All heavy atoms as atom14 arrays in JSON, in Angstrom:
{
  "sequence": "SPGPAPADVARGLLSAWPARRLYVADLDAIMDGAPPDLGALRAIA",
  "atom14_mask": [
    [1, 1, 1, 1, 1, 1, 0, 0, 0, 0, 0, 0, 0, 0],
    [1, 1, 1, 1, 1, 1, 1, 0, 0, 0, 0, 0, 0, 0],
    [1, 1, 1, 1, 0, 0, 0, 0, 0, 0, 0, 0, 0, 0],
    [1, 1, 1, 1, 1, 1, 1, 0, 0, 0, 0, 0, 0, 0],
    [1, 1, 1, 1, 1, 0, 0, 0, 0, 0, 0, 0, 0, 0],
    [1, 1, 1, 1, 1, 1, 1, 0, 0, 0, 0, 0, 0, 0],
    [1, 1, 1, 1, 1, 0, 0, 0, 0, 0, 0, 0, 0, 0],
    [1, 1, 1, 1, 1, 1, 1, 1, 0, 0, 0, 0, 0, 0],
    [1, 1, 1, 1, 1, 1, 1, 0, 0, 0, 0, 0, 0, 0],
    [1, 1, 1, 1, 1, 0, 0, 0, 0, 0, 0, 0, 0, 0],
    [1, 1, 1, 1, 1, 1, 1, 1, 1, 1, 1, 0, 0, 0],
    [1, 1, 1, 1, 0, 0, 0, 0, 0, 0, 0, 0, 0, 0],
    [1, 1, 1, 1, 1, 1, 1, 1, 0, 0, 0, 0, 0, 0],
    [1, 1, 1, 1, 1, 1, 1, 1, 0, 0, 0, 0, 0, 0],
    [1, 1, 1, 1, 1, 1, 0, 0, 0, 0, 0, 0, 0, 0],
    [1, 1, 1, 1, 1, 0, 0, 0, 0, 0, 0, 0, 0, 0],
    [1, 1, 1, 1, 1, 1, 1, 1, 1, 1, 1, 1, 1, 1],
    [1, 1, 1, 1, 1, 1, 1, 0, 0, 0, 0, 0, 0, 0],
    [1, 1, 1, 1, 1, 0, 0, 0, 0, 0, 0, 0, 0, 0],
    [1, 1, 1, 1, 1, 1, 1, 1, 1, 1, 1, 0, 0, 0],
    [1, 1, 1, 1, 1, 1, 1, 1, 1, 1, 1, 0, 0, 0],
    [1, 1, 1, 1, 1, 1, 1, 1, 0, 0, 0, 0, 0, 0],
    [1, 1, 1, 1, 1, 1, 1, 1, 1, 1, 1, 1, 0, 0],
    [1, 1, 1, 1, 1, 1, 1, 0, 0, 0, 0, 0, 0, 0],
    [1, 1, 1, 1, 1, 0, 0, 0, 0, 0, 0, 0, 0, 0],
    [1, 1, 1, 1, 1, 1, 1, 1, 0, 0, 0, 0, 0, 0],
    [1, 1, 1, 1, 1, 1, 1, 1, 0, 0, 0, 0, 0, 0],
    [1, 1, 1, 1, 1, 1, 1, 1, 0, 0, 0, 0, 0, 0],
    [1, 1, 1, 1, 1, 0, 0, 0, 0, 0, 0, 0, 0, 0],
    [1, 1, 1, 1, 1, 1, 1, 1, 0, 0, 0, 0, 0, 0],
    [1, 1, 1, 1, 1, 1, 1, 1, 0, 0, 0, 0, 0, 0],
    [1, 1, 1, 1, 1, 1, 1, 1, 0, 0, 0, 0, 0, 0],
    [1, 1, 1, 1, 0, 0, 0, 0, 0, 0, 0, 0, 0, 0],
    [1, 1, 1, 1, 1, 0, 0, 0, 0, 0, 0, 0, 0, 0],
    [1, 1, 1, 1, 1, 1, 1, 0, 0, 0, 0, 0, 0, 0],
    [1, 1, 1, 1, 1, 1, 1, 0, 0, 0, 0, 0, 0, 0],
    [1, 1, 1, 1, 1, 1, 1, 1, 0, 0, 0, 0, 0, 0],
    [1, 1, 1, 1, 1, 1, 1, 1, 0, 0, 0, 0, 0, 0],
    [1, 1, 1, 1, 0, 0, 0, 0, 0, 0, 0, 0, 0, 0],
    [1, 1, 1, 1, 1, 0, 0, 0, 0, 0, 0, 0, 0, 0],
    [1, 1, 1, 1, 1, 1, 1, 1, 0, 0, 0, 0, 0, 0],
    [1, 1, 1, 1, 1, 1, 1, 1, 1, 1, 1, 0, 0, 0],
    [1, 1, 1, 1, 1, 0, 0, 0, 0, 0, 0, 0, 0, 0],
    [1, 1, 1, 1, 1, 1, 1, 1, 0, 0, 0, 0, 0, 0],
    [1, 1, 1, 1, 1, 0, 0, 0, 0, 0, 0, 0, 0, 0]
  ],
  "atom14_positions": [
    [[108.08, 118.87, 106.41], [108.66, 117.76, 106.99], [109.89, 117.17, 106.26], [109.86, 117.17, 105.01], [107.61, 116.63, 107.17], [108.0, 115.54, 107.58], [0.0, 0.0, 0.0], [0.0, 0.0, 0.0], [0.0, 0.0, 0.0], [0.0, 0.0, 0.0], [0.0, 0.0, 0.0], [0.0, 0.0, 0.0], [0.0, 0.0, 0.0], [0.0, 0.0, 0.0]],
    [[110.85, 116.58, 106.94], [111.96, 115.98, 106.23], [111.68, 114.67, 105.45], [112.47, 114.21, 104.65], [113.03, 115.8, 107.4], [112.09, 115.64, 108.55], [111.01, 116.57, 108.4], [0.0, 0.0, 0.0], [0.0, 0.0, 0.0], [0.0, 0.0, 0.0], [0.0, 0.0, 0.0], [0.0, 0.0, 0.0], [0.0, 0.0, 0.0], [0.0, 0.0, 0.0]],
    [[110.51, 114.16, 105.83], [110.09, 112.84, 105.19], [108.6, 112.61, 105.54], [107.95, 113.45, 106.16], [0.0, 0.0, 0.0], [0.0, 0.0, 0.0], [0.0, 0.0, 0.0], [0.0, 0.0, 0.0], [0.0, 0.0, 0.0], [0.0, 0.0, 0.0], [0.0, 0.0, 0.0], [0.0, 0.0, 0.0], [0.0, 0.0, 0.0], [0.0, 0.0, 0.0]],
    [[108.16, 111.37, 105.2], [106.76, 111.08, 105.41], [106.34, 110.49, 106.71], [105.33, 109.91, 106.86], [106.44, 110.16, 104.2], [107.64, 109.37, 104.05], [108.72, 110.33, 104.37], [0.0, 0.0, 0.0], [0.0, 0.0, 0.0], [0.0, 0.0, 0.0], [0.0, 0.0, 0.0], [0.0, 0.0, 0.0], [0.0, 0.0, 0.0], [0.0, 0.0, 0.0]],
    [[107.31, 110.43, 107.65], [106.99, 109.8, 109.0], [105.87, 110.54, 109.62], [105.9, 111.74, 109.63], [108.34, 109.78, 109.8], [0.0, 0.0, 0.0], [0.0, 0.0, 0.0], [0.0, 0.0, 0.0], [0.0, 0.0, 0.0], [0.0, 0.0, 0.0], [0.0, 0.0, 0.0], [0.0, 0.0, 0.0], [0.0, 0.0, 0.0], [0.0, 0.0, 0.0]],
    [[105.08, 109.84, 110.21], [103.74, 110.5, 110.75], [104.13, 111.54, 111.77], [103.46, 112.58, 111.8], [102.98, 109.29, 111.36], [103.31, 108.08, 110.55], [104.79, 108.39, 110.21], [0.0, 0.0, 0.0], [0.0, 0.0, 0.0], [0.0, 0.0, 0.0], [0.0, 0.0, 0.0], [0.0, 0.0, 0.0], [0.0, 0.0, 0.0], [0.0, 0.0, 0.0]],
    [[104.96, 111.2, 112.7], [105.33, 112.23, 113.79], [105.86, 113.54, 113.11], [105.54, 114.63, 113.55], [106.24, 111.71, 114.71], [0.0, 0.0, 0.0], [0.0, 0.0, 0.0], [0.0, 0.0, 0.0], [0.0, 0.0, 0.0], [0.0, 0.0, 0.0], [0.0, 0.0, 0.0], [0.0, 0.0, 0.0], [0.0, 0.0, 0.0], [0.0, 0.0, 0.0]],
    [[106.79, 113.42, 112.16], [107.34, 114.53, 111.46], [106.35, 115.36, 110.78], [106.32, 116.63, 110.86], [108.44, 114.11, 110.51], [109.72, 113.55, 111.22], [109.86, 113.78, 112.45], [110.41, 112.68, 110.6], [0.0, 0.0, 0.0], [0.0, 0.0, 0.0], [0.0, 0.0, 0.0], [0.0, 0.0, 0.0], [0.0, 0.0, 0.0], [0.0, 0.0, 0.0]],
    [[105.43, 114.7, 110.01], [104.43, 115.46, 109.36], [103.5, 116.11, 110.24], [103.08, 117.32, 109.93], [103.73, 114.52, 108.29], [102.64, 115.26, 107.57], [104.69, 113.86, 107.31], [0.0, 0.0, 0.0], [0.0, 0.0, 0.0], [0.0, 0.0, 0.0], [0.0, 0.0, 0.0], [0.0, 0.0, 0.0], [0.0, 0.0, 0.0], [0.0, 0.0, 0.0]],
    [[103.12, 115.49, 111.24], [102.25, 116.02, 112.23], [102.83, 117.38, 112.8], [102.14, 118.45, 112.96], [101.91, 115.12, 113.35], [0.0, 0.0, 0.0], [0.0, 0.0, 0.0], [0.0, 0.0, 0.0], [0.0, 0.0, 0.0], [0.0, 0.0, 0.0], [0.0, 0.0, 0.0], [0.0, 0.0, 0.0], [0.0, 0.0, 0.0], [0.0, 0.0, 0.0]],
    [[104.09, 117.31, 113.25], [104.78, 118.55, 113.77], [104.8, 119.6, 112.71], [104.67, 120.76, 112.98], [106.12, 118.1, 114.22], [106.23, 117.5, 115.62], [107.62, 117.45, 116.1], [108.42, 116.56, 115.4], [108.62, 115.28, 115.68], [108.16, 114.72, 116.74], [109.32, 114.5, 114.86], [0.0, 0.0, 0.0], [0.0, 0.0, 0.0], [0.0, 0.0, 0.0]],
    [[105.02, 119.25, 111.43], [105.12, 120.19, 110.43], [103.77, 120.93, 110.1], [103.68, 122.12, 110.08], [0.0, 0.0, 0.0], [0.0, 0.0, 0.0], [0.0, 0.0, 0.0], [0.0, 0.0, 0.0], [0.0, 0.0, 0.0], [0.0, 0.0, 0.0], [0.0, 0.0, 0.0], [0.0, 0.0, 0.0], [0.0, 0.0, 0.0], [0.0, 0.0, 0.0]],
    [[102.76, 120.14, 110.14], [101.37, 120.73, 109.92], [101.1, 121.78, 111.12], [100.53, 122.9, 110.81], [100.34, 119.62, 109.88], [100.27, 118.79, 108.6], [99.41, 117.55, 108.86], [99.65, 119.69, 107.46], [0.0, 0.0, 0.0], [0.0, 0.0, 0.0], [0.0, 0.0, 0.0], [0.0, 0.0, 0.0], [0.0, 0.0, 0.0], [0.0, 0.0, 0.0]],
    [[101.35, 121.24, 112.34], [101.15, 122.12, 113.43], [102.04, 123.37, 113.43], [101.54, 124.43, 114.12], [101.13, 121.44, 114.85], [100.14, 120.36, 114.98], [100.35, 119.49, 116.21], [98.72, 120.89, 114.93], [0.0, 0.0, 0.0], [0.0, 0.0, 0.0], [0.0, 0.0, 0.0], [0.0, 0.0, 0.0], [0.0, 0.0, 0.0], [0.0, 0.0, 0.0]],
    [[103.18, 123.27, 112.83], [104.04, 124.43, 112.82], [103.51, 125.5, 111.84], [103.69, 126.72, 112.04], [105.42, 124.07, 112.38], [105.51, 123.66, 110.99], [0.0, 0.0, 0.0], [0.0, 0.0, 0.0], [0.0, 0.0, 0.0], [0.0, 0.0, 0.0], [0.0, 0.0, 0.0], [0.0, 0.0, 0.0], [0.0, 0.0, 0.0], [0.0, 0.0, 0.0]],
    [[102.8, 124.97, 110.83], [102.19, 125.96, 109.82], [100.82, 126.42, 110.22], [100.46, 127.45, 109.88], [102.06, 125.17, 108.48], [0.0, 0.0, 0.0], [0.0, 0.0, 0.0], [0.0, 0.0, 0.0], [0.0, 0.0, 0.0], [0.0, 0.0, 0.0], [0.0, 0.0, 0.0], [0.0, 0.0, 0.0], [0.0, 0.0, 0.0], [0.0, 0.0, 0.0]],
    [[100.06, 125.52, 111.04], [98.76, 125.94, 111.42], [98.51, 125.38, 112.82], [98.07, 124.22, 112.98], [97.65, 125.49, 110.55], [96.31, 126.15, 110.81], [95.45, 125.77, 111.81], [95.75, 127.3, 110.25], [94.41, 126.61, 111.91], [94.56, 127.53, 111.06], [96.14, 128.14, 109.2], [93.81, 128.63, 110.61], [95.34, 129.22, 108.87], [94.15, 129.46, 109.56]],
    [[98.85, 125.97, 113.94], [98.6, 125.52, 115.23], [97.15, 125.21, 115.5], [96.29, 126.06, 115.19], [99.09, 126.61, 116.15], [100.06, 127.45, 115.29], [99.52, 127.35, 113.99], [0.0, 0.0, 0.0], [0.0, 0.0, 0.0], [0.0, 0.0, 0.0], [0.0, 0.0, 0.0], [0.0, 0.0, 0.0], [0.0, 0.0, 0.0], [0.0, 0.0, 0.0]],
    [[96.87, 124.06, 115.82], [95.54, 123.44, 115.89], [95.27, 122.81, 117.16], [96.28, 122.18, 117.73], [95.14, 122.6, 114.66], [0.0, 0.0, 0.0], [0.0, 0.0, 0.0], [0.0, 0.0, 0.0], [0.0, 0.0, 0.0], [0.0, 0.0, 0.0], [0.0, 0.0, 0.0], [0.0, 0.0, 0.0], [0.0, 0.0, 0.0], [0.0, 0.0, 0.0]],
    [[94.07, 122.65, 117.5], [93.73, 121.87, 118.83], [93.46, 120.35, 118.53], [93.27, 119.64, 119.48], [92.68, 122.53, 119.69], [91.38, 122.57, 118.95], [90.4, 123.59, 119.77], [89.15, 123.68, 119.03], [88.04, 123.13, 119.55], [88.1, 122.36, 120.53], [86.86, 123.38, 118.8], [0.0, 0.0, 0.0], [0.0, 0.0, 0.0], [0.0, 0.0, 0.0]],
    [[93.3, 120.01, 117.26], [93.03, 118.66, 116.92], [93.61, 118.31, 115.46], [93.7, 119.23, 114.67], [91.54, 118.19, 117.01], [90.63, 119.13, 116.15], [89.17, 118.43, 116.18], [88.58, 118.4, 117.53], [87.75, 119.26, 118.08], [87.33, 120.26, 117.21], [87.27, 119.11, 119.17], [0.0, 0.0, 0.0], [0.0, 0.0, 0.0], [0.0, 0.0, 0.0]],
    [[93.85, 117.04, 115.28], [94.27, 116.5, 113.99], [93.36, 115.45, 113.59], [92.91, 114.69, 114.51], [95.71, 115.98, 114.08], [96.84, 116.95, 114.32], [98.19, 116.13, 114.56], [97.01, 117.95, 113.13], [0.0, 0.0, 0.0], [0.0, 0.0, 0.0], [0.0, 0.0, 0.0], [0.0, 0.0, 0.0], [0.0, 0.0, 0.0], [0.0, 0.0, 0.0]],
    [[93.0, 115.37, 112.36], [92.18, 114.22, 111.76], [93.25, 113.27, 111.09], [94.04, 113.7, 110.28], [91.25, 114.7, 110.72], [90.57, 113.55, 110.03], [89.46, 113.1, 110.34], [91.07, 113.13, 108.76], [88.73, 112.09, 109.67], [90.46, 112.24, 108.04], [89.26, 111.7, 108.52], [88.67, 110.65, 107.81], [0.0, 0.0, 0.0], [0.0, 0.0, 0.0]],
    [[93.18, 111.92, 111.45], [93.98, 110.96, 110.87], [93.16, 109.86, 110.22], [92.23, 109.32, 110.89], [94.87, 110.25, 112.07], [95.75, 109.27, 111.37], [95.68, 111.27, 112.71], [0.0, 0.0, 0.0], [0.0, 0.0, 0.0], [0.0, 0.0, 0.0], [0.0, 0.0, 0.0], [0.0, 0.0, 0.0], [0.0, 0.0, 0.0], [0.0, 0.0, 0.0]],
    [[93.37, 109.62, 108.9], [92.73, 108.46, 108.28], [93.65, 107.31, 108.05], [94.71, 107.53, 107.4], [92.24, 109.01, 106.93], [0.0, 0.0, 0.0], [0.0, 0.0, 0.0], [0.0, 0.0, 0.0], [0.0, 0.0, 0.0], [0.0, 0.0, 0.0], [0.0, 0.0, 0.0], [0.0, 0.0, 0.0], [0.0, 0.0, 0.0], [0.0, 0.0, 0.0]],
    [[93.38, 106.22, 108.6], [94.16, 104.99, 108.49], [93.7, 104.35, 107.26], [92.79, 103.48, 107.43], [94.18, 104.24, 109.74], [95.04, 103.07, 109.75], [95.34, 102.54, 108.65], [95.41, 102.52, 110.84], [0.0, 0.0, 0.0], [0.0, 0.0, 0.0], [0.0, 0.0, 0.0], [0.0, 0.0, 0.0], [0.0, 0.0, 0.0], [0.0, 0.0, 0.0]],
    [[94.31, 104.48, 106.14], [93.68, 103.98, 104.87], [93.85, 102.45, 104.83], [92.98, 101.75, 104.25], [94.36, 104.63, 103.72], [94.19, 106.13, 103.65], [94.94, 106.69, 102.38], [92.76, 106.49, 103.54], [0.0, 0.0, 0.0], [0.0, 0.0, 0.0], [0.0, 0.0, 0.0], [0.0, 0.0, 0.0], [0.0, 0.0, 0.0], [0.0, 0.0, 0.0]],
    [[94.95, 101.83, 105.35], [95.01, 100.43, 105.38], [93.86, 99.81, 106.22], [93.32, 98.72, 105.72], [96.33, 100.01, 106.03], [97.56, 100.42, 105.25], [97.53, 100.15, 103.98], [98.62, 100.91, 105.9], [0.0, 0.0, 0.0], [0.0, 0.0, 0.0], [0.0, 0.0, 0.0], [0.0, 0.0, 0.0], [0.0, 0.0, 0.0], [0.0, 0.0, 0.0]],
    [[93.42, 100.43, 107.27], [92.3, 99.93, 107.98], [90.95, 100.21, 107.22], [90.16, 99.24, 107.21], [92.24, 100.58, 109.42], [0.0, 0.0, 0.0], [0.0, 0.0, 0.0], [0.0, 0.0, 0.0], [0.0, 0.0, 0.0], [0.0, 0.0, 0.0], [0.0, 0.0, 0.0], [0.0, 0.0, 0.0], [0.0, 0.0, 0.0], [0.0, 0.0, 0.0]],
    [[90.76, 101.28, 106.67], [89.64, 101.59, 106.03], [89.4, 100.83, 104.7], [88.33, 100.29, 104.41], [89.63, 103.14, 105.49], [89.54, 104.04, 106.84], [88.42, 103.44, 104.61], [89.74, 105.46, 106.58], [0.0, 0.0, 0.0], [0.0, 0.0, 0.0], [0.0, 0.0, 0.0], [0.0, 0.0, 0.0], [0.0, 0.0, 0.0], [0.0, 0.0, 0.0]],
    [[90.44, 100.68, 103.9], [90.41, 100.01, 102.63], [90.56, 98.42, 102.59], [89.88, 97.72, 101.89], [91.47, 100.61, 101.62], [91.26, 102.07, 101.31], [92.79, 102.79, 100.51], [92.77, 101.81, 98.98], [0.0, 0.0, 0.0], [0.0, 0.0, 0.0], [0.0, 0.0, 0.0], [0.0, 0.0, 0.0], [0.0, 0.0, 0.0], [0.0, 0.0, 0.0]],
    [[91.48, 98.03, 103.53], [91.77, 96.53, 103.53], [91.38, 95.88, 104.84], [91.6, 94.65, 104.96], [93.33, 96.46, 103.45], [93.79, 97.22, 102.23], [93.13, 97.23, 101.19], [95.0, 97.69, 102.26], [0.0, 0.0, 0.0], [0.0, 0.0, 0.0], [0.0, 0.0, 0.0], [0.0, 0.0, 0.0], [0.0, 0.0, 0.0], [0.0, 0.0, 0.0]],
    [[90.77, 96.48, 105.77], [90.33, 95.95, 106.98], [91.48, 95.61, 107.96], [91.26, 94.74, 108.89], [0.0, 0.0, 0.0], [0.0, 0.0, 0.0], [0.0, 0.0, 0.0], [0.0, 0.0, 0.0], [0.0, 0.0, 0.0], [0.0, 0.0, 0.0], [0.0, 0.0, 0.0], [0.0, 0.0, 0.0], [0.0, 0.0, 0.0], [0.0, 0.0, 0.0]],
    [[92.61, 96.13, 107.85], [93.8, 95.98, 108.74], [93.45, 96.64, 110.13], [92.57, 97.5, 110.2], [94.96, 96.62, 108.2], [0.0, 0.0, 0.0], [0.0, 0.0, 0.0], [0.0, 0.0, 0.0], [0.0, 0.0, 0.0], [0.0, 0.0, 0.0], [0.0, 0.0, 0.0], [0.0, 0.0, 0.0], [0.0, 0.0, 0.0], [0.0, 0.0, 0.0]],
    [[94.07, 96.06, 111.13], [93.88, 96.77, 112.44], [94.37, 98.13, 112.47], [95.32, 98.48, 111.53], [94.63, 95.87, 113.41], [95.61, 95.07, 112.61], [95.03, 94.94, 111.25], [0.0, 0.0, 0.0], [0.0, 0.0, 0.0], [0.0, 0.0, 0.0], [0.0, 0.0, 0.0], [0.0, 0.0, 0.0], [0.0, 0.0, 0.0], [0.0, 0.0, 0.0]],
    [[93.95, 99.05, 113.36], [94.5, 100.32, 113.35], [96.03, 100.41, 113.53], [96.56, 99.54, 114.32], [93.86, 101.02, 114.58], [92.56, 100.22, 114.75], [92.85, 98.84, 114.33], [0.0, 0.0, 0.0], [0.0, 0.0, 0.0], [0.0, 0.0, 0.0], [0.0, 0.0, 0.0], [0.0, 0.0, 0.0], [0.0, 0.0, 0.0], [0.0, 0.0, 0.0]],
    [[96.69, 101.27, 112.89], [98.18, 101.47, 113.05], [98.48, 102.23, 114.45], [98.7, 103.36, 114.38], [98.75, 102.21, 111.86], [100.17, 102.16, 111.82], [100.79, 101.89, 112.89], [100.83, 102.49, 110.79], [0.0, 0.0, 0.0], [0.0, 0.0, 0.0], [0.0, 0.0, 0.0], [0.0, 0.0, 0.0], [0.0, 0.0, 0.0], [0.0, 0.0, 0.0]],
    [[98.41, 101.44, 115.48], [98.6, 102.07, 116.76], [99.99, 102.64, 116.92], [100.14, 103.68, 117.65], [98.27, 101.12, 117.89], [96.91, 100.49, 118.0], [96.77, 99.47, 119.12], [95.93, 101.64, 118.01], [0.0, 0.0, 0.0], [0.0, 0.0, 0.0], [0.0, 0.0, 0.0], [0.0, 0.0, 0.0], [0.0, 0.0, 0.0], [0.0, 0.0, 0.0]],
    [[100.9, 102.05, 116.24], [102.29, 102.59, 116.36], [102.42, 103.9, 115.79], [103.02, 104.9, 116.45], [0.0, 0.0, 0.0], [0.0, 0.0, 0.0], [0.0, 0.0, 0.0], [0.0, 0.0, 0.0], [0.0, 0.0, 0.0], [0.0, 0.0, 0.0], [0.0, 0.0, 0.0], [0.0, 0.0, 0.0], [0.0, 0.0, 0.0], [0.0, 0.0, 0.0]],
    [[101.84, 104.15, 114.53], [101.86, 105.5, 113.96], [101.1, 106.44, 114.87], [101.39, 107.62, 115.02], [101.35, 105.35, 112.55], [0.0, 0.0, 0.0], [0.0, 0.0, 0.0], [0.0, 0.0, 0.0], [0.0, 0.0, 0.0], [0.0, 0.0, 0.0], [0.0, 0.0, 0.0], [0.0, 0.0, 0.0], [0.0, 0.0, 0.0], [0.0, 0.0, 0.0]],
    [[99.88, 106.07, 115.34], [99.01, 106.92, 116.13], [99.75, 107.29, 117.51], [99.7, 108.53, 117.93], [97.81, 106.25, 116.45], [96.81, 105.98, 115.25], [95.63, 105.15, 115.63], [96.37, 107.22, 114.64], [0.0, 0.0, 0.0], [0.0, 0.0, 0.0], [0.0, 0.0, 0.0], [0.0, 0.0, 0.0], [0.0, 0.0, 0.0], [0.0, 0.0, 0.0]],
    [[100.5, 106.37, 118.09], [101.19, 106.67, 119.28], [102.33, 107.67, 118.93], [102.62, 108.72, 119.72], [101.84, 105.52, 119.86], [100.82, 104.61, 120.59], [101.34, 103.51, 121.38], [100.37, 102.57, 121.91], [100.13, 101.32, 121.47], [100.83, 100.83, 120.4], [99.23, 100.65, 121.93], [0.0, 0.0, 0.0], [0.0, 0.0, 0.0], [0.0, 0.0, 0.0]],
    [[102.96, 107.56, 117.83], [104.03, 108.5, 117.42], [103.49, 109.86, 117.22], [104.1, 110.9, 117.63], [104.78, 108.05, 116.25], [0.0, 0.0, 0.0], [0.0, 0.0, 0.0], [0.0, 0.0, 0.0], [0.0, 0.0, 0.0], [0.0, 0.0, 0.0], [0.0, 0.0, 0.0], [0.0, 0.0, 0.0], [0.0, 0.0, 0.0], [0.0, 0.0, 0.0]],
    [[102.33, 110.03, 116.51], [101.69, 111.38, 116.31], [101.36, 111.86, 117.62], [101.56, 113.05, 117.94], [100.4, 111.11, 115.49], [100.83, 110.68, 114.05], [99.7, 112.44, 115.37], [99.69, 110.25, 113.17], [0.0, 0.0, 0.0], [0.0, 0.0, 0.0], [0.0, 0.0, 0.0], [0.0, 0.0, 0.0], [0.0, 0.0, 0.0], [0.0, 0.0, 0.0]],
    [[100.78, 111.1, 118.54], [100.25, 111.76, 119.8], [101.41, 112.21, 120.7], [101.35, 113.22, 121.25], [99.35, 110.55, 120.57], [0.0, 0.0, 0.0], [0.0, 0.0, 0.0], [0.0, 0.0, 0.0], [0.0, 0.0, 0.0], [0.0, 0.0, 0.0], [0.0, 0.0, 0.0], [0.0, 0.0, 0.0], [0.0, 0.0, 0.0], [0.0, 0.0, 0.0]]
  ]
}
């Protein structure tokens, strides 16, 4: 990936290993109780 943007990294992972699902851990939500990062998830989707 050219950088750490979620959509770019997701595309890069799938270019190396075509998969039917991705696992996403939202660490801000898990560690700090923040709401899910829907913007990042929408970009990945």
